[in-house]
Amino acid sequence: MCQPVFSRCPRCDSFMEDGFAGKAIGLSFVSHEKFQQFAFTDEDISKAGWKKFLPAKAEFFDSYLCRSCEVYLVDFSKALNRAEVEQVIQQRSK
């Protein structure tokens, strides 16, 4: 994870800025099938759970932002703590 996964946007080929998304806010996803129902709940794919409402240690996901076309990619496969984020920043600045 030391080098950014994305440097160019898959939509418009502009530069993508790498950063981090906070896990505690959750990452909502609603499938097409669920959305067509009268009542539905979203899926919290970041698995933030109660961290959305209760105090907890901060966790982050590696993420990439294209400011040109407003695409935001989040790799939610591994949550990072503050020390791990600082390591990633240090490694990428070399």
PDB file of N, CA and C in Angstrom:
ATOM      1  N   MET A   1       0.820  -1.199   0.000  1.00  0.00           N
ATOM      2  CA  MET A   1       0.000   0.000   0.000  1.00  0.00           C
ATOM      3  C   MET A   1       0.862   1.259   0.000  1.00  0.00           C
ATOM      4  N   CYS A   2       2.171   1.137  -0.163  1.00  0.00           N
ATOM      5  CA  CYS A   2       2.954   2.359  -0.041  1.00  0.00           C
ATOM      6  C   CYS A   2       2.797   3.282  -1.249  1.00  0.00           C
ATOM      7  N   GLN A   3       2.647   2.752  -2.439  1.00  0.00           N
ATOM      8  CA  GLN A   3       2.435   3.607  -3.603  1.00  0.00           C
ATOM      9  C   GLN A   3       0.948   3.752  -3.878  1.00  0.00           C
ATOM     10  N   PRO A   4       0.507   4.939  -4.351  1.00  0.00           N
ATOM     11  CA  PRO A   4      -0.913   5.108  -4.673  1.00  0.00           C
ATOM     12  C   PRO A   4      -1.349   4.114  -5.737  1.00  0.00           C
ATOM     13  N   VAL A   5      -2.549   3.573  -5.578  1.00  0.00           N
ATOM     14  CA  VAL A   5      -3.085   2.625  -6.548  1.00  0.00           C
ATOM     15  C   VAL A   5      -3.508   3.358  -7.812  1.00  0.00           C
ATOM     16  N   PHE A   6      -4.124   4.521  -7.628  1.00  0.00           N
ATOM     17  CA  PHE A   6      -4.595   5.320  -8.759  1.00  0.00           C
ATOM     18  C   PHE A   6      -3.825   6.634  -8.821  1.00  0.00           C
ATOM     19  N   SER A   7      -3.365   6.985  -9.998  1.00  0.00           N
ATOM     20  CA  SER A   7      -2.776   8.307 -10.187  1.00  0.00           C
ATOM     21  C   SER A   7      -3.575   9.085 -11.236  1.00  0.00           C
ATOM     22  N   ARG A   8      -4.265   8.349 -12.105  1.00  0.00           N
ATOM     23  CA  ARG A   8      -5.089   8.973 -13.147  1.00  0.00           C
ATOM     24  C   ARG A   8      -6.526   8.501 -12.982  1.00  0.00           C
ATOM     25  N   CYS A   9      -7.464   9.369 -13.253  1.00  0.00           N
ATOM     26  CA  CYS A   9      -8.888   9.060 -13.115  1.00  0.00           C
ATOM     27  C   CYS A   9      -9.333   8.081 -14.198  1.00  0.00           C
ATOM     28  N   PRO A  10     -10.060   7.028 -13.821  1.00  0.00           N
ATOM     29  CA  PRO A  10     -10.544   6.081 -14.833  1.00  0.00           C
ATOM     30  C   PRO A  10     -11.639   6.665 -15.716  1.00  0.00           C
ATOM     31  N   ARG A  11     -12.251   7.764 -15.308  1.00  0.00           N
ATOM     32  CA  ARG A  11     -13.310   8.381 -16.104  1.00  0.00           C
ATOM     33  C   ARG A  11     -12.755   9.418 -17.078  1.00  0.00           C
ATOM     34  N   CYS A  12     -11.934  10.364 -16.576  1.00  0.00           N
ATOM     35  CA  CYS A  12     -11.509  11.478 -17.438  1.00  0.00           C
ATOM     36  C   CYS A  12      -9.997  11.562 -17.644  1.00  0.00           C
ATOM     37  N   ASP A  13      -9.245  10.673 -17.019  1.00  0.00           N
ATOM     38  CA  ASP A  13      -7.793  10.592 -17.127  1.00  0.00           C
ATOM     39  C   ASP A  13      -7.061  11.786 -16.505  1.00  0.00           C
ATOM     40  N   SER A  14      -7.728  12.579 -15.687  1.00  0.00           N
ATOM     41  CA  SER A  14      -7.070  13.670 -14.967  1.00  0.00           C
ATOM     42  C   SER A  14      -6.332  13.110 -13.757  1.00  0.00           C
ATOM     43  N   PHE A  15      -5.486  13.941 -13.160  1.00  0.00           N
ATOM     44  CA  PHE A  15      -4.746  13.560 -11.959  1.00  0.00           C
ATOM     45  C   PHE A  15      -5.709  13.268 -10.814  1.00  0.00           C
ATOM     46  N   MET A  16      -5.452  12.187 -10.071  1.00  0.00           N
ATOM     47  CA  MET A  16      -6.240  11.870  -8.879  1.00  0.00           C
ATOM     48  C   MET A  16      -5.394  12.154  -7.646  1.00  0.00           C
ATOM     49  N   GLU A  17      -5.973  12.870  -6.703  1.00  0.00           N
ATOM     50  CA  GLU A  17      -5.319  13.186  -5.445  1.00  0.00           C
ATOM     51  C   GLU A  17      -5.555  12.023  -4.475  1.00  0.00           C
ATOM     52  N   ASP A  18      -4.479  11.519  -3.854  1.00  0.00           N
ATOM     53  CA  ASP A  18      -4.676  10.433  -2.893  1.00  0.00           C
ATOM     54  C   ASP A  18      -4.825  11.012  -1.496  1.00  0.00           C
ATOM     55  N   GLY A  19      -5.654  10.345  -0.699  1.00  0.00           N
ATOM     56  CA  GLY A  19      -5.927  10.802   0.657  1.00  0.00           C
ATOM     57  C   GLY A  19      -6.586   9.686   1.437  1.00  0.00           C
ATOM     58  N   PHE A  20      -7.410  10.056   2.403  1.00  0.00           N
ATOM     59  CA  PHE A  20      -8.028   9.068   3.277  1.00  0.00           C
ATOM     60  C   PHE A  20      -9.471   9.433   3.576  1.00  0.00           C
ATOM     61  N   ALA A  21     -10.325   8.426   3.596  1.00  0.00           N
ATOM     62  CA  ALA A  21     -11.730   8.602   3.948  1.00  0.00           C
ATOM     63  C   ALA A  21     -11.926   8.084   5.369  1.00  0.00           C
ATOM     64  N   GLY A  22     -12.692   8.816   6.162  1.00  0.00           N
ATOM     65  CA  GLY A  22     -12.962   8.386   7.525  1.00  0.00           C
ATOM     66  C   GLY A  22     -13.954   7.239   7.560  1.00  0.00           C
ATOM     67  N   LYS A  23     -13.655   6.206   8.337  1.00  0.00           N
ATOM     68  CA  LYS A  23     -14.533   5.038   8.428  1.00  0.00           C
ATOM     69  C   LYS A  23     -15.764   5.326   9.277  1.00  0.00           C
ATOM     70  N   ALA A  24     -15.633   6.143  10.313  1.00  0.00           N
ATOM     71  CA  ALA A  24     -16.717   6.349  11.274  1.00  0.00           C
ATOM     72  C   ALA A  24     -17.980   6.916  10.637  1.00  0.00           C
ATOM     73  N   ILE A  25     -17.849   7.635   9.528  1.00  0.00           N
ATOM     74  CA  ILE A  25     -19.031   8.213   8.896  1.00  0.00           C
ATOM     75  C   ILE A  25     -19.823   7.186   8.102  1.00  0.00           C
ATOM     76  N   GLY A  26     -19.227   6.023   7.869  1.00  0.00           N
ATOM     77  CA  GLY A  26     -19.911   4.982   7.117  1.00  0.00           C
ATOM     78  C   GLY A  26     -19.812   5.217   5.622  1.00  0.00           C
ATOM     79  N   LEU A  27     -20.099   4.196   4.879  1.00  0.00           N
ATOM     80  CA  LEU A  27     -20.077   4.266   3.424  1.00  0.00           C
ATOM     81  C   LEU A  27     -21.311   3.538   2.926  1.00  0.00           C
ATOM     82  N   SER A  28     -22.302   4.286   2.540  1.00  0.00           N
ATOM     83  CA  SER A  28     -23.608   3.752   2.206  1.00  0.00           C
ATOM     84  C   SER A  28     -23.680   3.270   0.760  1.00  0.00           C
ATOM     85  N   PHE A  29     -24.365   2.132   0.557  1.00  0.00           N
ATOM     86  CA  PHE A  29     -24.588   1.593  -0.782  1.00  0.00           C
ATOM     87  C   PHE A  29     -26.009   1.047  -0.852  1.00  0.00           C
ATOM     88  N   VAL A  30     -26.718   1.408  -1.911  1.00  0.00           N
ATOM     89  CA  VAL A  30     -28.069   0.886  -2.145  1.00  0.00           C
ATOM     90  C   VAL A  30     -28.078   0.293  -3.557  1.00  0.00           C
ATOM     91  N   SER A  31     -28.354  -0.994  -3.669  1.00  0.00           N
ATOM     92  CA  SER A  31     -28.388  -1.652  -4.972  1.00  0.00           C
ATOM     93  C   SER A  31     -29.630  -1.204  -5.754  1.00  0.00           C
ATOM     94  N   HIS A  32     -29.610  -1.433  -7.052  1.00  0.00           N
ATOM     95  CA  HIS A  32     -30.759  -1.096  -7.905  1.00  0.00           C
ATOM     96  C   HIS A  32     -32.019  -1.804  -7.414  1.00  0.00           C
ATOM     97  N   GLU A  33     -31.867  -3.095  -7.079  1.00  0.00           N
ATOM     98  CA  GLU A  33     -33.020  -3.880  -6.647  1.00  0.00           C
ATOM     99  C   GLU A  33     -33.650  -3.332  -5.374  1.00  0.00           C
ATOM    100  N   LYS A  34     -32.809  -2.994  -4.397  1.00  0.00           N
ATOM    101  CA  LYS A  34     -33.333  -2.446  -3.139  1.00  0.00           C
ATOM    102  C   LYS A  34     -34.006  -1.094  -3.364  1.00  0.00           C
ATOM    103  N   PHE A  35     -33.403  -0.267  -4.196  1.00  0.00           N
ATOM    104  CA  PHE A  35     -33.912   1.083  -4.422  1.00  0.00           C
ATOM    105  C   PHE A  35     -35.317   1.070  -5.029  1.00  0.00           C
ATOM    106  N   GLN A  36     -35.634   0.042  -5.793  1.00  0.00           N
ATOM    107  CA  GLN A  36     -36.936  -0.041  -6.437  1.00  0.00           C
ATOM    108  C   GLN A  36     -38.040  -0.509  -5.499  1.00  0.00           C
ATOM    109  N   GLN A  37     -37.680  -0.954  -4.300  1.00  0.00           N
ATOM    110  CA  GLN A  37     -38.672  -1.356  -3.317  1.00  0.00           C
ATOM    111  C   GLN A  37     -39.272  -0.125  -2.649  1.00  0.00           C
ATOM    112  N   PHE A  38     -40.467  -0.286  -2.070  1.00  0.00           N
ATOM    113  CA  PHE A  38     -41.133   0.824  -1.383  1.00  0.00           C
ATOM    114  C   PHE A  38     -40.314   1.294  -0.184  1.00  0.00           C
ATOM    115  N   ALA A  39     -39.856   0.358   0.623  1.00  0.00           N
ATOM    116  CA  ALA A  39     -39.027   0.682   1.788  1.00  0.00           C
ATOM    117  C   ALA A  39     -37.743  -0.147   1.699  1.00  0.00           C
ATOM    118  N   PHE A  40     -36.619   0.472   2.007  1.00  0.00           N
ATOM    119  CA  PHE A  40     -35.351  -0.232   1.934  1.00  0.00           C
ATOM    120  C   PHE A  40     -34.368   0.368   2.930  1.00  0.00           C
ATOM    121  N   THR A  41     -33.338  -0.386   3.228  1.00  0.00           N
ATOM    122  CA  THR A  41     -32.237   0.125   4.036  1.00  0.00           C
ATOM    123  C   THR A  41     -30.973   0.060   3.208  1.00  0.00           C
ATOM    124  N   ASP A  42     -30.090   0.980   3.478  1.00  0.00           N
ATOM    125  CA  ASP A  42     -28.823   0.971   2.766  1.00  0.00           C
ATOM    126  C   ASP A  42     -27.887  -0.039   3.414  1.00  0.00           C
ATOM    127  N   GLU A  43     -26.844  -0.382   2.700  1.00  0.00           N
ATOM    128  CA  GLU A  43     -25.829  -1.302   3.196  1.00  0.00           C
ATOM    129  C   GLU A  43     -24.606  -0.477   3.575  1.00  0.00           C
ATOM    130  N   ASP A  44     -24.135  -0.616   4.787  1.00  0.00           N
ATOM    131  CA  ASP A  44     -22.937   0.100   5.234  1.00  0.00           C
ATOM    132  C   ASP A  44     -21.720  -0.749   4.874  1.00  0.00           C
ATOM    133  N   ILE A  45     -21.161  -0.526   3.686  1.00  0.00           N
ATOM    134  CA  ILE A  45     -20.077  -1.382   3.217  1.00  0.00           C
ATOM    135  C   ILE A  45     -18.766  -1.126   3.959  1.00  0.00           C
ATOM    136  N   SER A  46     -18.664  -0.029   4.694  1.00  0.00           N
ATOM    137  CA  SER A  46     -17.458   0.217   5.488  1.00  0.00           C
ATOM    138  C   SER A  46     -17.529  -0.465   6.845  1.00  0.00           C
ATOM    139  N   LYS A  47     -18.712  -0.998   7.174  1.00  0.00           N
ATOM    140  CA  LYS A  47     -18.941  -1.671   8.449  1.00  0.00           C
ATOM    141  C   LYS A  47     -18.611  -0.774   9.641  1.00  0.00           C
ATOM    142  N   ALA A  48     -19.001   0.492   9.555  1.00  0.00           N
ATOM    143  CA  ALA A  48     -18.772   1.433  10.648  1.00  0.00           C
ATOM    144  C   ALA A  48     -19.639   1.097  11.849  1.00  0.00           C
ATOM    145  N   GLY A  49     -20.834   0.580  11.603  1.00  0.00           N
ATOM    146  CA  GLY A  49     -21.719   0.173  12.691  1.00  0.00           C
ATOM    147  C   GLY A  49     -22.000   1.293  13.674  1.00  0.00           C
ATOM    148  N   TRP A  50     -21.881   0.972  14.957  1.00  0.00           N
ATOM    149  CA  TRP A  50     -22.174   1.951  16.017  1.00  0.00           C
ATOM    150  C   TRP A  50     -21.168   3.089  16.069  1.00  0.00           C
ATOM    151  N   LYS A  51     -20.036   2.944  15.380  1.00  0.00           N
ATOM    152  CA  LYS A  51     -19.028   4.012  15.371  1.00  0.00           C
ATOM    153  C   LYS A  51     -19.583   5.297  14.772  1.00  0.00           C
ATOM    154  N   LYS A  52     -20.668   5.175  14.009  1.00  0.00           N
ATOM    155  CA  LYS A  52     -21.312   6.368  13.448  1.00  0.00           C
ATOM    156  C   LYS A  52     -21.947   7.205  14.548  1.00  0.00           C
ATOM    157  N   PHE A  53     -22.287   6.564  15.651  1.00  0.00           N
ATOM    158  CA  PHE A  53     -23.037   7.240  16.704  1.00  0.00           C
ATOM    159  C   PHE A  53     -22.280   7.369  18.021  1.00  0.00           C
ATOM    160  N   LEU A  54     -21.366   6.443  18.281  1.00  0.00           N
ATOM    161  CA  LEU A  54     -20.651   6.425  19.554  1.00  0.00           C
ATOM    162  C   LEU A  54     -19.176   6.789  19.354  1.00  0.00           C
ATOM    163  N   PRO A  55     -18.551   7.347  20.365  1.00  0.00           N
ATOM    164  CA  PRO A  55     -17.119   7.664  20.245  1.00  0.00           C
ATOM    165  C   PRO A  55     -16.292   6.390  20.040  1.00  0.00           C
ATOM    166  N   ALA A  56     -15.320   6.468  19.156  1.00  0.00           N
ATOM    167  CA  ALA A  56     -14.437   5.333  18.874  1.00  0.00           C
ATOM    168  C   ALA A  56     -13.126   5.875  18.319  1.00  0.00           C
ATOM    169  N   LYS A  57     -12.095   5.029  18.360  1.00  0.00           N
ATOM    170  CA  LYS A  57     -10.822   5.431  17.761  1.00  0.00           C
ATOM    171  C   LYS A  57     -11.020   5.639  16.269  1.00  0.00           C
ATOM    172  N   ALA A  58     -10.344   6.629  15.739  1.00  0.00           N
ATOM    173  CA  ALA A  58     -10.473   6.946  14.318  1.00  0.00           C
ATOM    174  C   ALA A  58      -9.854   5.849  13.453  1.00  0.00           C
ATOM    175  N   GLU A  59     -10.541   5.514  12.361  1.00  0.00           N
ATOM    176  CA  GLU A  59     -10.041   4.590  11.358  1.00  0.00           C
ATOM    177  C   GLU A  59     -10.287   5.216   9.991  1.00  0.00           C
ATOM    178  N   PHE A  60      -9.433   4.874   9.047  1.00  0.00           N
ATOM    179  CA  PHE A  60      -9.490   5.505   7.734  1.00  0.00           C
ATOM    180  C   PHE A  60      -9.317   4.474   6.632  1.00  0.00           C
ATOM    181  N   PHE A  61      -9.767   4.825   5.426  1.00  0.00           N
ATOM    182  CA  PHE A  61      -9.567   4.017   4.230  1.00  0.00           C
ATOM    183  C   PHE A  61      -8.754   4.828   3.234  1.00  0.00           C
ATOM    184  N   ASP A  62      -7.901   4.150   2.489  1.00  0.00           N
ATOM    185  CA  ASP A  62      -7.165   4.783   1.397  1.00  0.00           C
ATOM    186  C   ASP A  62      -8.190   5.259   0.366  1.00  0.00           C
ATOM    187  N   SER A  63      -8.029   6.472  -0.145  1.00  0.00           N
ATOM    188  CA  SER A  63      -8.999   6.977  -1.115  1.00  0.00           C
ATOM    189  C   SER A  63      -8.328   7.880  -2.140  1.00  0.00           C
ATOM    190  N   TYR A  64      -9.050   8.114  -3.236  1.00  0.00           N
ATOM    191  CA  TYR A  64      -8.530   8.884  -4.366  1.00  0.00           C
ATOM    192  C   TYR A  64      -9.634   9.784  -4.898  1.00  0.00           C
ATOM    193  N   LEU A  65      -9.307  11.058  -5.116  1.00  0.00           N
ATOM    194  CA  LEU A  65     -10.289  12.043  -5.541  1.00  0.00           C
ATOM    195  C   LEU A  65      -9.870  12.702  -6.845  1.00  0.00           C
ATOM    196  N   CYS A  66     -10.787  12.701  -7.823  1.00  0.00           N
ATOM    197  CA  CYS A  66     -10.595  13.452  -9.061  1.00  0.00           C
ATOM    198  C   CYS A  66     -11.435  14.713  -8.933  1.00  0.00           C
ATOM    199  N   ARG A  67     -10.785  15.825  -8.797  1.00  0.00           N
ATOM    200  CA  ARG A  67     -11.512  17.098  -8.651  1.00  0.00           C
ATOM    201  C   ARG A  67     -12.109  17.564  -9.977  1.00  0.00           C
ATOM    202  N   SER A  68     -11.576  17.067 -11.101  1.00  0.00           N
ATOM    203  CA  SER A  68     -12.079  17.475 -12.418  1.00  0.00           C
ATOM    204  C   SER A  68     -13.492  16.977 -12.676  1.00  0.00           C
ATOM    205  N   CYS A  69     -13.705  15.677 -12.477  1.00  0.00           N
ATOM    206  CA  CYS A  69     -15.027  15.120 -12.778  1.00  0.00           C
ATOM    207  C   CYS A  69     -15.753  14.621 -11.531  1.00  0.00           C
ATOM    208  N   GLU A  70     -15.181  14.901 -10.364  1.00  0.00           N
ATOM    209  CA  GLU A  70     -15.805  14.604  -9.072  1.00  0.00           C
ATOM    210  C   GLU A  70     -16.037  13.111  -8.826  1.00  0.00           C
ATOM    211  N   VAL A  71     -15.086  12.280  -9.225  1.00  0.00           N
ATOM    212  CA  VAL A  71     -15.115  10.852  -8.911  1.00  0.00           C
ATOM    213  C   VAL A  71     -14.305  10.653  -7.630  1.00  0.00           C
ATOM    214  N   TYR A  72     -14.853   9.863  -6.714  1.00  0.00           N
ATOM    215  CA  TYR A  72     -14.187   9.577  -5.450  1.00  0.00           C
ATOM    216  C   TYR A  72     -14.118   8.073  -5.279  1.00  0.00           C
ATOM    217  N   LEU A  73     -12.921   7.506  -5.286  1.00  0.00           N
ATOM    218  CA  LEU A  73     -12.718   6.072  -5.144  1.00  0.00           C
ATOM    219  C   LEU A  73     -12.198   5.773  -3.738  1.00  0.00           C
ATOM    220  N   VAL A  74     -12.825   4.822  -3.069  1.00  0.00           N
ATOM    221  CA  VAL A  74     -12.441   4.452  -1.716  1.00  0.00           C
ATOM    222  C   VAL A  74     -12.134   2.963  -1.678  1.00  0.00           C
ATOM    223  N   ASP A  75     -10.934   2.615  -1.205  1.00  0.00           N
ATOM    224  CA  ASP A  75     -10.559   1.224  -1.023  1.00  0.00           C
ATOM    225  C   ASP A  75     -10.909   0.853   0.411  1.00  0.00           C
ATOM    226  N   PHE A  76     -12.061   0.240   0.621  1.00  0.00           N
ATOM    227  CA  PHE A  76     -12.516  -0.074   1.971  1.00  0.00           C
ATOM    228  C   PHE A  76     -12.134  -1.496   2.387  1.00  0.00           C
ATOM    229  N   SER A  77     -11.151  -2.085   1.706  1.00  0.00           N
ATOM    230  CA  SER A  77     -10.737  -3.448   2.036  1.00  0.00           C
ATOM    231  C   SER A  77      -9.947  -3.524   3.338  1.00  0.00           C
ATOM    232  N   LYS A  78      -9.295  -2.425   3.744  1.00  0.00           N
ATOM    233  CA  LYS A  78      -8.497  -2.442   4.968  1.00  0.00           C
ATOM    234  C   LYS A  78      -8.620  -1.095   5.666  1.00  0.00           C
ATOM    235  N   ALA A  79      -9.070  -1.130   6.913  1.00  0.00           N
ATOM    236  CA  ALA A  79      -9.145   0.094   7.714  1.00  0.00           C
ATOM    237  C   ALA A  79      -7.772   0.358   8.325  1.00  0.00           C
ATOM    238  N   LEU A  80      -7.366   1.611   8.296  1.00  0.00           N
ATOM    239  CA  LEU A  80      -6.068   2.019   8.828  1.00  0.00           C
ATOM    240  C   LEU A  80      -6.256   2.866  10.079  1.00  0.00           C
ATOM    241  N   ASN A  81      -5.388   2.679  11.067  1.00  0.00           N
ATOM    242  CA  ASN A  81      -5.428   3.578  12.220  1.00  0.00           C
ATOM    243  C   ASN A  81      -4.533   4.787  11.939  1.00  0.00           C
ATOM    244  N   ARG A  82      -4.488   5.708  12.867  1.00  0.00           N
ATOM    245  CA  ARG A  82      -3.743   6.961  12.650  1.00  0.00           C
ATOM    246  C   ARG A  82      -2.257   6.694  12.368  1.00  0.00           C
ATOM    247  N   ALA A  83      -1.648   5.787  13.119  1.00  0.00           N
ATOM    248  CA  ALA A  83      -0.222   5.487  12.924  1.00  0.00           C
ATOM    249  C   ALA A  83       0.033   4.907  11.529  1.00  0.00           C
ATOM    250  N   GLU A  84      -0.858   4.039  11.068  1.00  0.00           N
ATOM    251  CA  GLU A  84      -0.711   3.455   9.725  1.00  0.00           C
ATOM    252  C   GLU A  84      -0.877   4.509   8.643  1.00  0.00           C
ATOM    253  N   VAL A  85      -1.809   5.442   8.842  1.00  0.00           N
ATOM    254  CA  VAL A  85      -1.993   6.537   7.885  1.00  0.00           C
ATOM    255  C   VAL A  85      -0.725   7.382   7.808  1.00  0.00           C
ATOM    256  N   GLU A  86      -0.151   7.682   8.952  1.00  0.00           N
ATOM    257  CA  GLU A  86       1.077   8.481   8.967  1.00  0.00           C
ATOM    258  C   GLU A  86       2.228   7.757   8.274  1.00  0.00           C
ATOM    259  N   GLN A  87       2.284   6.419   8.421  1.00  0.00           N
ATOM    260  CA  GLN A  87       3.295   5.618   7.716  1.00  0.00           C
ATOM    261  C   GLN A  87       3.104   5.705   6.211  1.00  0.00           C
ATOM    262  N   VAL A  88       1.859   5.568   5.763  1.00  0.00           N
ATOM    263  CA  VAL A  88       1.559   5.636   4.335  1.00  0.00           C
ATOM    264  C   VAL A  88       1.949   7.005   3.782  1.00  0.00           C
ATOM    265  N   ILE A  89       1.602   8.059   4.495  1.00  0.00           N
ATOM    266  CA  ILE A  89       1.947   9.419   4.053  1.00  0.00           C
ATOM    267  C   ILE A  89       3.457   9.564   3.943  1.00  0.00           C
ATOM    268  N   GLN A  90       4.179   9.077   4.927  1.00  0.00           N
ATOM    269  CA  GLN A  90       5.633   9.177   4.930  1.00  0.00           C
ATOM    270  C   GLN A  90       6.232   8.399   3.759  1.00  0.00           C
ATOM    271  N   GLN A  91       5.735   7.178   3.511  1.00  0.00           N
ATOM    272  CA  GLN A  91       6.248   6.359   2.416  1.00  0.00           C
ATOM    273  C   GLN A  91       5.960   6.977   1.057  1.00  0.00           C
ATOM    274  N   ARG A  92       4.780   7.575   0.906  1.00  0.00           N
ATOM    275  CA  ARG A  92       4.414   8.164  -0.386  1.00  0.00           C
ATOM    276  C   ARG A  92       5.112   9.482  -0.655  1.00  0.00           C
ATOM    277  N   SER A  93       5.614  10.134   0.382  1.00  0.00           N
ATOM    278  CA  SER A  93       6.278  11.410   0.172  1.00  0.00           C
ATOM    279  C   SER A  93       7.730  11.231  -0.273  1.00  0.00           C
ATOM    280  N   LYS A  94       8.231   9.985  -0.260  1.00  0.00           N
ATOM    281  CA  LYS A  94       9.619   9.723  -0.683  1.00  0.00           C
ATOM    282  C   LYS A  94       9.762   9.744  -2.169  1.00  0.00           C
TER     283      LYS A  94
END
